[in-house]
C-alpha atoms as a PDB file:
ATOM      1  CA  UNK A   1     272.355  33.052 252.081  1.00  0.00           C
ATOM      2  CA  UNK A   2     270.152  29.979 251.863  1.00  0.00           C
ATOM      3  CA  UNK A   3     271.334  26.853 250.122  1.00  0.00           C
ATOM      4  CA  UNK A   4     269.939  26.893 246.571  1.00  0.00           C
ATOM      5  CA  UNK A   5     269.437  23.138 246.677  1.00  0.00           C
ATOM      6  CA  UNK A   6     266.925  23.631 249.479  1.00  0.00           C
ATOM      7  CA  UNK A   7     264.880  26.074 247.364  1.00  0.00           C
ATOM      8  CA  UNK A   8     264.540  23.859 244.283  1.00  0.00           C
ATOM      9  CA  UNK A   9     261.743  21.615 245.590  1.00  0.00           C
ATOM     10  CA  UNK A  10     259.490  24.603 246.421  1.00  0.00           C
ATOM     11  CA  UNK A  11     260.271  26.244 243.080  1.00  0.00           C
ATOM     12  CA  UNK A  12     259.439  23.030 241.265  1.00  0.00           C
ATOM     13  CA  UNK A  13     256.216  22.707 243.191  1.00  0.00           C
ATOM     14  CA  UNK A  14     255.186  26.261 242.252  1.00  0.00           C
ATOM     15  CA  UNK A  15     256.086  25.652 238.615  1.00  0.00           C
ATOM     16  CA  UNK A  16     254.112  22.401 238.616  1.00  0.00           C
ATOM     17  CA  UNK A  17     251.113  24.156 240.156  1.00  0.00           C
ATOM     18  CA  UNK A  18     251.177  26.911 237.514  1.00  0.00           C
ATOM     19  CA  UNK A  19     251.474  24.413 234.669  1.00  0.00           C
ATOM     20  CA  UNK A  20     248.760  22.187 236.109  1.00  0.00           C
ATOM     21  CA  UNK A  21     246.394  25.133 236.540  1.00  0.00           C
ATOM     22  CA  UNK A  22     247.018  26.222 232.960  1.00  0.00           C
ATOM     23  CA  UNK A  23     246.376  22.682 231.743  1.00  0.00           C
ATOM     24  CA  UNK A  24     243.066  22.519 233.601  1.00  0.00           C
ATOM     25  CA  UNK A  25     241.978  25.851 232.138  1.00  0.00           C
ATOM     26  CA  UNK A  26     242.738  24.682 228.598  1.00  0.00           C
ATOM     27  CA  UNK A  27     241.051  21.333 229.177  1.00  0.00           C
ATOM     28  CA  UNK A  28     237.899  22.953 230.572  1.00  0.00           C
ATOM     29  CA  UNK A  29     237.736  25.437 227.705  1.00  0.00           C
ATOM     30  CA  UNK A  30     238.143  22.671 225.131  1.00  0.00           C
ATOM     31  CA  UNK A  31     235.448  20.591 226.813  1.00  0.00           C
ATOM     32  CA  UNK A  32     232.975  23.488 226.822  1.00  0.00           C
ATOM     33  CA  UNK A  33     233.609  24.173 223.142  1.00  0.00           C
ATOM     34  CA  UNK A  34     233.269  20.483 222.318  1.00  0.00           C
ATOM     35  CA  UNK A  35     229.709  20.511 223.663  1.00  0.00           C
ATOM     36  CA  UNK A  36     228.579  23.205 221.209  1.00  0.00           C
ATOM     37  CA  UNK A  37     227.706  22.090 217.689  1.00  0.00           C
ATOM     38  CA  UNK A  38     225.964  23.649 214.714  1.00  0.00           C
ATOM     39  CA  UNK A  39     222.984  22.413 212.734  1.00  0.00           C
ATOM     40  CA  UNK A  40     221.390  24.142 209.755  1.00  0.00           C
ATOM     41  CA  UNK A  41     217.897  23.458 208.434  1.00  0.00           C
ATOM     42  CA  UNK A  42     215.542  25.114 205.979  1.00  0.00           C
ATOM     43  CA  UNK A  43     211.848  24.651 206.641  1.00  0.00           C
ATOM     44  CA  UNK A  44     209.999  27.470 204.964  1.00  0.00           C
ATOM     45  CA  UNK A  45     209.509  30.743 206.819  1.00  0.00           C
ATOM     46  CA  UNK A  46     212.502  31.219 209.107  1.00  0.00           C
ATOM     47  CA  UNK A  47     210.416  33.138 211.629  1.00  0.00           C
ATOM     48  CA  UNK A  48     208.520  29.917 212.336  1.00  0.00           C
ATOM     49  CA  UNK A  49     211.554  27.638 212.313  1.00  0.00           C
ATOM     50  CA  UNK A  50     213.400  29.946 214.684  1.00  0.00           C
ATOM     51  CA  UNK A  51     210.423  30.048 217.038  1.00  0.00           C
ATOM     52  CA  UNK A  52     210.075  26.257 217.057  1.00  0.00           C
ATOM     53  CA  UNK A  53     213.732  25.360 217.613  1.00  0.00           C
ATOM     54  CA  UNK A  54     214.389  28.019 220.253  1.00  0.00           C
ATOM     55  CA  UNK A  55     211.892  26.287 222.529  1.00  0.00           C
ATOM     56  CA  UNK A  56     213.938  23.067 222.682  1.00  0.00           C
ATOM     57  CA  UNK A  57     215.993  22.288 225.763  1.00  0.00           C
ATOM     58  CA  UNK A  58     219.643  22.101 224.775  1.00  0.00           C
ATOM     59  CA  UNK A  59     219.367  24.642 221.965  1.00  0.00           C
ATOM     60  CA  UNK A  60     221.641  27.566 222.796  1.00  0.00           C
ATOM     61  CA  UNK A  61     220.852  29.981 219.968  1.00  0.00           C
ATOM     62  CA  UNK A  62     219.030  30.123 216.636  1.00  0.00           C
ATOM     63  CA  UNK A  63     219.715  32.583 213.829  1.00  0.00           C
ATOM     64  CA  UNK A  64     217.518  33.225 210.793  1.00  0.00           C
ATOM     65  CA  UNK A  65     219.271  33.599 207.474  1.00  0.00           C
ATOM     66  CA  UNK A  66     219.859  32.578 203.880  1.00  0.00           C
ATOM     67  CA  UNK A  67     221.749  29.548 202.549  1.00  0.00           C
ATOM     68  CA  UNK A  68     222.215  27.478 199.422  1.00  0.00           C
ATOM     69  CA  UNK A  69     222.487  30.221 196.817  1.00  0.00           C
ATOM     70  CA  UNK A  70     225.067  31.851 194.558  1.00  0.00           C
ATOM     71  CA  UNK A  71     224.842  35.548 195.455  1.00  0.00           C
ATOM     72  CA  UNK A  72     227.139  36.963 198.140  1.00  0.00           C
ATOM     73  CA  UNK A  73     225.555  38.849 201.048  1.00  0.00           C
ATOM     74  CA  UNK A  74     221.975  38.585 199.757  1.00  0.00           C
ATOM     75  CA  UNK A  75     219.205  40.749 201.150  1.00  0.00           C
ATOM     76  CA  UNK A  76     215.714  39.617 202.071  1.00  0.00           C
ATOM     77  CA  UNK A  77     214.309  41.330 198.987  1.00  0.00           C
ATOM     78  CA  UNK A  78     216.790  39.555 196.728  1.00  0.00           C
ATOM     79  CA  UNK A  79     216.194  36.131 198.267  1.00  0.00           C
ATOM     80  CA  UNK A  80     212.413  36.485 198.285  1.00  0.00           C
ATOM     81  CA  UNK A  81     212.505  37.197 194.548  1.00  0.00           C
ATOM     82  CA  UNK A  82     213.644  33.612 194.038  1.00  0.00           C
ATOM     83  CA  UNK A  83     216.582  34.574 191.829  1.00  0.00           C
ATOM     84  CA  UNK A  84     219.539  33.996 194.165  1.00  0.00           C
ATOM     85  CA  UNK A  85     219.181  30.252 194.717  1.00  0.00           C
ATOM     86  CA  UNK A  86     219.017  30.722 198.484  1.00  0.00           C
ATOM     87  CA  UNK A  87     216.386  29.373 200.797  1.00  0.00           C
ATOM     88  CA  UNK A  88     215.305  30.792 204.123  1.00  0.00           C
ATOM     89  CA  UNK A  89     216.906  28.748 206.882  1.00  0.00           C
ATOM     90  CA  UNK A  90     217.989  28.674 210.486  1.00  0.00           C
ATOM     91  CA  UNK A  91     221.410  27.993 211.953  1.00  0.00           C
ATOM     92  CA  UNK A  92     221.230  26.331 215.349  1.00  0.00           C
ATOM     93  CA  UNK A  93     223.874  26.263 218.045  1.00  0.00           C
ATOM     94  CA  UNK A  94     223.145  23.383 220.403  1.00  0.00           C
ATOM     95  CA  UNK A  95     224.663  21.582 223.367  1.00  0.00           C
ATOM     96  CA  UNK A  96     225.269  18.035 222.134  1.00  0.00           C
ATOM     97  CA  UNK A  97     225.339  16.756 225.717  1.00  0.00           C
ATOM     98  CA  UNK A  98     221.753  17.926 226.216  1.00  0.00           C
ATOM     99  CA  UNK A  99     220.238  17.322 222.788  1.00  0.00           C
ATOM    100  CA  UNK A 100     221.552  15.176 219.951  1.00  0.00           C
ATOM    101  CA  UNK A 101     221.620  15.951 216.259  1.00  0.00           C
ATOM    102  CA  UNK A 102     219.349  12.966 215.630  1.00  0.00           C
ATOM    103  CA  UNK A 103     216.778  14.460 218.026  1.00  0.00           C
ATOM    104  CA  UNK A 104     216.967  17.762 216.160  1.00  0.00           C
ATOM    105  CA  UNK A 105     216.407  15.803 212.944  1.00  0.00           C
ATOM    106  CA  UNK A 106     213.276  14.154 214.337  1.00  0.00           C
ATOM    107  CA  UNK A 107     211.939  17.519 215.463  1.00  0.00           C
ATOM    108  CA  UNK A 108     212.771  19.064 212.089  1.00  0.00           C
ATOM    109  CA  UNK A 109     210.653  16.536 210.198  1.00  0.00           C
ATOM    110  CA  UNK A 110     207.636  17.240 212.380  1.00  0.00           C
ATOM    111  CA  UNK A 111     208.048  20.997 211.929  1.00  0.00           C
ATOM    112  CA  UNK A 112     207.800  20.894 208.106  1.00  0.00           C
ATOM    113  CA  UNK A 113     205.915  19.325 205.219  1.00  0.00           C
ATOM    114  CA  UNK A 114     208.574  16.915 203.883  1.00  0.00           C
ATOM    115  CA  UNK A 115     206.565  15.892 200.808  1.00  0.00           C
ATOM    116  CA  UNK A 116     206.143  19.428 199.473  1.00  0.00           C
ATOM    117  CA  UNK A 117     208.847  20.135 196.891  1.00  0.00           C
ATOM    118  CA  UNK A 118     207.505  23.505 195.807  1.00  0.00           C
ATOM    119  CA  UNK A 119     207.926  25.494 199.005  1.00  0.00           C
ATOM    120  CA  UNK A 120     206.401  25.237 202.460  1.00  0.00           C
ATOM    121  CA  UNK A 121     202.795  25.854 203.426  1.00  0.00           C
ATOM    122  CA  UNK A 122     201.582  29.173 201.968  1.00  0.00           C
ATOM    123  CA  UNK A 123     205.096  30.260 200.941  1.00  0.00           C
ATOM    124  CA  UNK A 124     205.817  29.033 197.432  1.00  0.00           C
ATOM    125  CA  UNK A 125     209.037  28.836 195.457  1.00  0.00           C
ATOM    126  CA  UNK A 126     212.524  27.398 195.968  1.00  0.00           C
ATOM    127  CA  UNK A 127     213.404  30.247 198.313  1.00  0.00           C
ATOM    128  CA  UNK A 128     211.103  28.493 200.805  1.00  0.00           C
ATOM    129  CA  UNK A 129     212.148  24.908 200.065  1.00  0.00           C
ATOM    130  CA  UNK A 130     212.921  22.485 202.871  1.00  0.00           C
ATOM    131  CA  UNK A 131     216.515  21.280 203.042  1.00  0.00           C
ATOM    132  CA  UNK A 132     219.041  19.772 205.441  1.00  0.00           C
ATOM    133  CA  UNK A 133     222.529  21.301 205.376  1.00  0.00           C
ATOM    134  CA  UNK A 134     225.058  19.041 207.076  1.00  0.00           C
ATOM    135  CA  UNK A 135     228.297  20.270 208.691  1.00  0.00           C
ATOM    136  CA  UNK A 136     230.133  16.956 209.057  1.00  0.00           C
ATOM    137  CA  UNK A 137     230.179  13.428 207.727  1.00  0.00           C
ATOM    138  CA  UNK A 138     228.482  12.247 210.900  1.00  0.00           C
ATOM    139  CA  UNK A 139     225.643  14.717 210.390  1.00  0.00           C
ATOM    140  CA  UNK A 140     225.333  13.632 206.757  1.00  0.00           C
ATOM    141  CA  UNK A 141     225.056   9.969 207.771  1.00  0.00           C
ATOM    142  CA  UNK A 142     222.462  10.786 210.425  1.00  0.00           C
ATOM    143  CA  UNK A 143     220.429  12.856 207.978  1.00  0.00           C
ATOM    144  CA  UNK A 144     220.579  10.194 205.246  1.00  0.00           C
ATOM    145  CA  UNK A 145     219.503   7.436 207.630  1.00  0.00           C
ATOM    146  CA  UNK A 146     216.666   9.557 209.021  1.00  0.00           C
ATOM    147  CA  UNK A 147     215.556  10.559 205.523  1.00  0.00           C
ATOM    148  CA  UNK A 148     215.620   6.930 204.338  1.00  0.00           C
ATOM    149  CA  UNK A 149     213.697   5.687 207.360  1.00  0.00           C
ATOM    150  CA  UNK A 150     210.966   8.300 206.922  1.00  0.00           C
ATOM    151  CA  UNK A 151     210.757   7.648 203.193  1.00  0.00           C
ATOM    152  CA  UNK A 152     210.583   3.870 203.601  1.00  0.00           C
ATOM    153  CA  UNK A 153     207.887   4.140 206.257  1.00  0.00           C
ATOM    154  CA  UNK A 154     205.513   5.683 203.683  1.00  0.00           C
ATOM    155  CA  UNK A 155     203.714   7.253 206.639  1.00  0.00           C
ATOM    156  CA  UNK A 156     203.146  10.469 204.702  1.00  0.00           C
ATOM    157  CA  UNK A 157     201.840   8.758 201.577  1.00  0.00           C
ATOM    158  CA  UNK A 158     204.332  10.350 199.181  1.00  0.00           C
ATOM    159  CA  UNK A 159     208.103  10.488 198.594  1.00  0.00           C
ATOM    160  CA  UNK A 160     210.179  12.820 200.754  1.00  0.00           C
ATOM    161  CA  UNK A 161     211.087  15.948 198.764  1.00  0.00           C
ATOM    162  CA  UNK A 162     213.529  17.433 201.293  1.00  0.00           C
ATOM    163  CA  UNK A 163     217.115  17.451 200.028  1.00  0.00           C
ATOM    164  CA  UNK A 164     220.342  16.826 201.959  1.00  0.00           C
ATOM    165  CA  UNK A 165     223.213  19.143 201.043  1.00  0.00           C
ATOM    166  CA  UNK A 166     226.638  20.079 202.385  1.00  0.00           C
ATOM    167  CA  UNK A 167     226.421  23.360 204.293  1.00  0.00           C
ATOM    168  CA  UNK A 168     227.598  26.418 202.402  1.00  0.00           C
ATOM    169  CA  UNK A 169     227.904  30.017 203.607  1.00  0.00           C
ATOM    170  CA  UNK A 170     225.056  30.967 205.900  1.00  0.00           C
ATOM    171  CA  UNK A 171     224.185  34.657 205.688  1.00  0.00           C
ATOM    172  CA  UNK A 172     222.314  35.942 208.774  1.00  0.00           C
ATOM    173  CA  UNK A 173     219.147  37.791 207.865  1.00  0.00           C
ATOM    174  CA  UNK A 174     218.550  41.431 208.695  1.00  0.00           C
ATOM    175  CA  UNK A 175     218.158  42.296 212.383  1.00  0.00           C
ATOM    176  CA  UNK A 176     214.408  42.825 212.185  1.00  0.00           C
ATOM    177  CA  UNK A 177     213.977  39.165 211.148  1.00  0.00           C
ATOM    178  CA  UNK A 178     215.830  37.801 214.187  1.00  0.00           C
ATOM    179  CA  UNK A 179     213.430  36.694 216.953  1.00  0.00           C
ATOM    180  CA  UNK A 180     210.568  38.135 214.936  1.00  0.00           C
ATOM    181  CA  UNK A 181     208.057  36.063 216.894  1.00  0.00           C
ATOM    182  CA  UNK A 182     209.174  37.831 220.090  1.00  0.00           C
ATOM    183  CA  UNK A 183     209.435  41.334 218.652  1.00  0.00           C
ATOM    184  CA  UNK A 184     206.116  41.214 216.776  1.00  0.00           C
ATOM    185  CA  UNK A 185     203.998  38.485 218.391  1.00  0.00           C
ATOM    186  CA  UNK A 186     200.651  39.645 217.000  1.00  0.00           C
ATOM    187  CA  UNK A 187     201.878  39.865 213.415  1.00  0.00           C
ATOM    188  CA  UNK A 188     203.789  36.613 213.748  1.00  0.00           C
ATOM    189  CA  UNK A 189     200.859  34.649 215.148  1.00  0.00           C
ATOM    190  CA  UNK A 190     198.506  36.068 212.528  1.00  0.00           C
ATOM    191  CA  UNK A 191     200.949  35.138 209.770  1.00  0.00           C
ATOM    192  CA  UNK A 192     201.458  31.605 211.095  1.00  0.00           C
ATOM    193  CA  UNK A 193     197.744  31.033 211.444  1.00  0.00           C
ATOM    194  CA  UNK A 194     196.987  32.549 208.044  1.00  0.00           C
ATOM    195  CA  UNK A 195     199.676  30.459 206.388  1.00  0.00           C
ATOM    196  CA  UNK A 196     198.050  27.284 207.687  1.00  0.00           C
ATOM    197  CA  UNK A 197     201.311  25.890 209.013  1.00  0.00           C
ATOM    198  CA  UNK A 198     200.028  24.224 212.168  1.00  0.00           C
ATOM    199  CA  UNK A 199     196.878  22.977 210.458  1.00  0.00           C
ATOM    200  CA  UNK A 200     198.943  21.236 207.787  1.00  0.00           C
ATOM    201  CA  UNK A 201     201.343  19.818 210.367  1.00  0.00           C
ATOM    202  CA  UNK A 202     198.419  18.290 212.226  1.00  0.00           C
ATOM    203  CA  UNK A 203     197.146  16.752 208.987  1.00  0.00           C
ATOM    204  CA  UNK A 204     200.575  15.239 208.314  1.00  0.00           C
ATOM    205  CA  UNK A 205     201.600  14.083 211.777  1.00  0.00           C
ATOM    206  CA  UNK A 206     198.278  13.588 213.531  1.00  0.00           C
ATOM    207  CA  UNK A 207     198.895  16.075 216.311  1.00  0.00           C
ATOM    208  CA  UNK A 208     200.223  19.607 216.825  1.00  0.00           C
ATOM    209  CA  UNK A 209     203.968  20.175 216.800  1.00  0.00           C
ATOM    210  CA  UNK A 210     205.440  19.224 220.161  1.00  0.00           C
ATOM    211  CA  UNK A 211     207.843  21.828 221.546  1.00  0.00           C
END
């Protein structure tokens, strides 16, 4: 029988290796999760917002949905009636190492009409209002600073109407609304053109929305 004292070093080495491997796995998993963050914006028709944000490098996923209201599990019909308090919005999952929240904020401004407090483009009513829903104090500070800077610049010739609000429950819209611009490109493009979204954006910002 071998001396047990001679086996201890190899056993300890194996135990150390197992523990070290487990530590690396946990560390790598935590790091990958730390890169993913969530941003939520409302900018009128969520078909258009989803289409715009999904084209950005660093954006992992975009979901269309409803936020900011009082009714649980609202439907599109209920929200579009304007009686639930919700607005159409998008929830964005992004890699913060590839694109920052402040960059998303800058892009958001140029994808909406910030001085329109009655809706967005051809879609009227509070169910189409523009709004920033922050998920952390850092996001709130970034949004407030960006909002203040844009307002103080007076570049748009009127006060900024977009509100900044703490994120509440985001209800994903029905499946047929998700990636609508990909599923129904002809209808989507006709709607966007007919709504005058890009024309108004060019009037506001001097050039078409950069993607």
